[in-house]
C-alpha cells in the first residue's frame, strides 16, 4: 500500500472519530434513552436516522475537501467548528 493511501485511510479514521465526538453531540444510546418514552420511540428512530445521514454527508464533504485542498485544511475546518461551540 502506498504512503498516500495509508495517509488517506488514517485521515478518514481521524475524521470519523472527530465527527462522532464534535459535530454530532449525542451518541445513539444517549439519544435513544432521552427519547425512549413509548410515544417517542418513532421520533427517536427518525432523529437517529437523520443524525447518521448528516454524519455520512459531513464525512463525505470532509474527505472530498481533504483530497482537493489537503487534510490540513480539513483539520482547520474542524478546529473552527470547535471554536464556534465555545
C-alpha atoms as a PDB file:
ATOM      1  CA  UNK A   1       0.000   0.000   0.000  1.00  0.00           C
ATOM      2  CA  UNK A   2       1.375   3.411  -0.907  1.00  0.00           C
ATOM      3  CA  UNK A   3       2.040   6.095   1.658  1.00  0.00           C
ATOM      4  CA  UNK A   4      -0.674   8.275   0.117  1.00  0.00           C
ATOM      5  CA  UNK A   5      -3.317   5.549   0.569  1.00  0.00           C
ATOM      6  CA  UNK A   6      -2.229   4.950   4.159  1.00  0.00           C
ATOM      7  CA  UNK A   7      -2.381   8.691   4.828  1.00  0.00           C
ATOM      8  CA  UNK A   8      -5.893   8.917   3.382  1.00  0.00           C
ATOM      9  CA  UNK A   9      -7.105   5.915   5.399  1.00  0.00           C
ATOM     10  CA  UNK A  10      -5.599   7.301   8.613  1.00  0.00           C
ATOM     11  CA  UNK A  11      -7.093  10.725   7.915  1.00  0.00           C
ATOM     12  CA  UNK A  12     -10.523   9.239   7.320  1.00  0.00           C
ATOM     13  CA  UNK A  13     -10.334   7.363  10.622  1.00  0.00           C
ATOM     14  CA  UNK A  14      -9.357  10.562  12.440  1.00  0.00           C
ATOM     15  CA  UNK A  15     -12.149  12.498  10.761  1.00  0.00           C
ATOM     16  CA  UNK A  16     -14.753   9.900  11.638  1.00  0.00           C
ATOM     17  CA  UNK A  17     -13.724   9.908  15.273  1.00  0.00           C
ATOM     18  CA  UNK A  18     -13.685  13.714  15.348  1.00  0.00           C
ATOM     19  CA  UNK A  19     -17.123  13.868  13.759  1.00  0.00           C
ATOM     20  CA  UNK A  20     -18.594  11.396  16.176  1.00  0.00           C
ATOM     21  CA  UNK A  21     -17.499  13.482  19.176  1.00  0.00           C
ATOM     22  CA  UNK A  22     -17.667  17.088  17.975  1.00  0.00           C
ATOM     23  CA  UNK A  23     -20.210  17.518  15.191  1.00  0.00           C
ATOM     24  CA  UNK A  24     -22.845  15.047  16.339  1.00  0.00           C
ATOM     25  CA  UNK A  25     -23.303  15.858  20.020  1.00  0.00           C
ATOM     26  CA  UNK A  26     -25.229  12.793  21.232  1.00  0.00           C
ATOM     27  CA  UNK A  27     -24.386   9.149  20.864  1.00  0.00           C
ATOM     28  CA  UNK A  28     -27.249   6.925  19.665  1.00  0.00           C
ATOM     29  CA  UNK A  29     -27.545   5.282  23.086  1.00  0.00           C
ATOM     30  CA  UNK A  30     -27.891   8.594  24.932  1.00  0.00           C
ATOM     31  CA  UNK A  31     -30.317   9.968  22.368  1.00  0.00           C
ATOM     32  CA  UNK A  32     -32.475   6.841  22.444  1.00  0.00           C
ATOM     33  CA  UNK A  33     -32.533   6.867  26.243  1.00  0.00           C
ATOM     34  CA  UNK A  34     -33.643  10.526  26.294  1.00  0.00           C
ATOM     35  CA  UNK A  35     -36.373   9.990  23.719  1.00  0.00           C
ATOM     36  CA  UNK A  36     -37.402   6.430  24.596  1.00  0.00           C
ATOM     37  CA  UNK A  37     -40.733   7.113  26.245  1.00  0.00           C
ATOM     38  CA  UNK A  38     -43.355   4.991  24.441  1.00  0.00           C
ATOM     39  CA  UNK A  39     -44.870   7.705  22.208  1.00  0.00           C
ATOM     40  CA  UNK A  40     -41.422   8.972  21.268  1.00  0.00           C
ATOM     41  CA  UNK A  41     -39.752   5.773  20.050  1.00  0.00           C
ATOM     42  CA  UNK A  42     -40.602   6.514  16.407  1.00  0.00           C
ATOM     43  CA  UNK A  43     -39.275  10.043  16.864  1.00  0.00           C
ATOM     44  CA  UNK A  44     -36.046   8.702  18.375  1.00  0.00           C
ATOM     45  CA  UNK A  45     -35.557   6.419  15.374  1.00  0.00           C
ATOM     46  CA  UNK A  46     -36.068   9.335  12.979  1.00  0.00           C
ATOM     47  CA  UNK A  47     -33.637  11.555  14.880  1.00  0.00           C
ATOM     48  CA  UNK A  48     -31.003   8.795  14.884  1.00  0.00           C
ATOM     49  CA  UNK A  49     -31.515   8.239  11.163  1.00  0.00           C
ATOM     50  CA  UNK A  50     -31.177  11.983  10.477  1.00  0.00           C
ATOM     51  CA  UNK A  51     -28.013  12.244  12.575  1.00  0.00           C
ATOM     52  CA  UNK A  52     -26.499   9.210  10.846  1.00  0.00           C
ATOM     53  CA  UNK A  53     -27.260  10.673   7.429  1.00  0.00           C
ATOM     54  CA  UNK A  54     -25.840  14.035   8.498  1.00  0.00           C
ATOM     55  CA  UNK A  55     -22.680  12.340   9.763  1.00  0.00           C
ATOM     56  CA  UNK A  56     -22.239  10.466   6.488  1.00  0.00           C
ATOM     57  CA  UNK A  57     -22.723  13.653   4.449  1.00  0.00           C
ATOM     58  CA  UNK A  58     -20.241  15.554   6.611  1.00  0.00           C
ATOM     59  CA  UNK A  59     -17.731  12.721   6.309  1.00  0.00           C
ATOM     60  CA  UNK A  60     -18.055  12.753   2.513  1.00  0.00           C
ATOM     61  CA  UNK A  61     -17.632  16.532   2.493  1.00  0.00           C
ATOM     62  CA  UNK A  62     -14.527  16.449   4.691  1.00  0.00           C
ATOM     63  CA  UNK A  63     -12.946  13.641   2.653  1.00  0.00           C
ATOM     64  CA  UNK A  64     -13.558  15.497  -0.610  1.00  0.00           C
ATOM     65  CA  UNK A  65     -12.184  18.709   0.900  1.00  0.00           C
ATOM     66  CA  UNK A  66      -9.142  16.804   2.150  1.00  0.00           C
ATOM     67  CA  UNK A  67      -8.441  15.286  -1.238  1.00  0.00           C
ATOM     68  CA  UNK A  68      -8.896  18.609  -3.023  1.00  0.00           C
ATOM     69  CA  UNK A  69      -7.205  21.036  -0.606  1.00  0.00           C
ATOM     70  CA  UNK A  70      -5.160  18.807   1.690  1.00  0.00           C
ATOM     71  CA  UNK A  71      -6.114  17.330   5.016  1.00  0.00           C
ATOM     72  CA  UNK A  72      -4.609  20.202   6.998  1.00  0.00           C
ATOM     73  CA  UNK A  73      -7.461  22.308   5.568  1.00  0.00           C
ATOM     74  CA  UNK A  74      -9.984  19.797   6.924  1.00  0.00           C
ATOM     75  CA  UNK A  75      -8.445  19.852  10.395  1.00  0.00           C
ATOM     76  CA  UNK A  76      -8.654  23.654  10.253  1.00  0.00           C
ATOM     77  CA  UNK A  77     -12.376  23.392   9.482  1.00  0.00           C
ATOM     78  CA  UNK A  78     -12.883  21.037  12.434  1.00  0.00           C
ATOM     79  CA  UNK A  79     -10.947  23.409  14.710  1.00  0.00           C
ATOM     80  CA  UNK A  80     -13.149  26.324  13.594  1.00  0.00           C
ATOM     81  CA  UNK A  81     -16.214  24.211  14.373  1.00  0.00           C
ATOM     82  CA  UNK A  82     -14.928  23.584  17.894  1.00  0.00           C
ATOM     83  CA  UNK A  83     -14.136  27.277  18.433  1.00  0.00           C
ATOM     84  CA  UNK A  84     -17.679  28.255  17.450  1.00  0.00           C
ATOM     85  CA  UNK A  85     -19.007  25.974  20.200  1.00  0.00           C
ATOM     86  CA  UNK A  86     -17.048  27.903  22.834  1.00  0.00           C
END
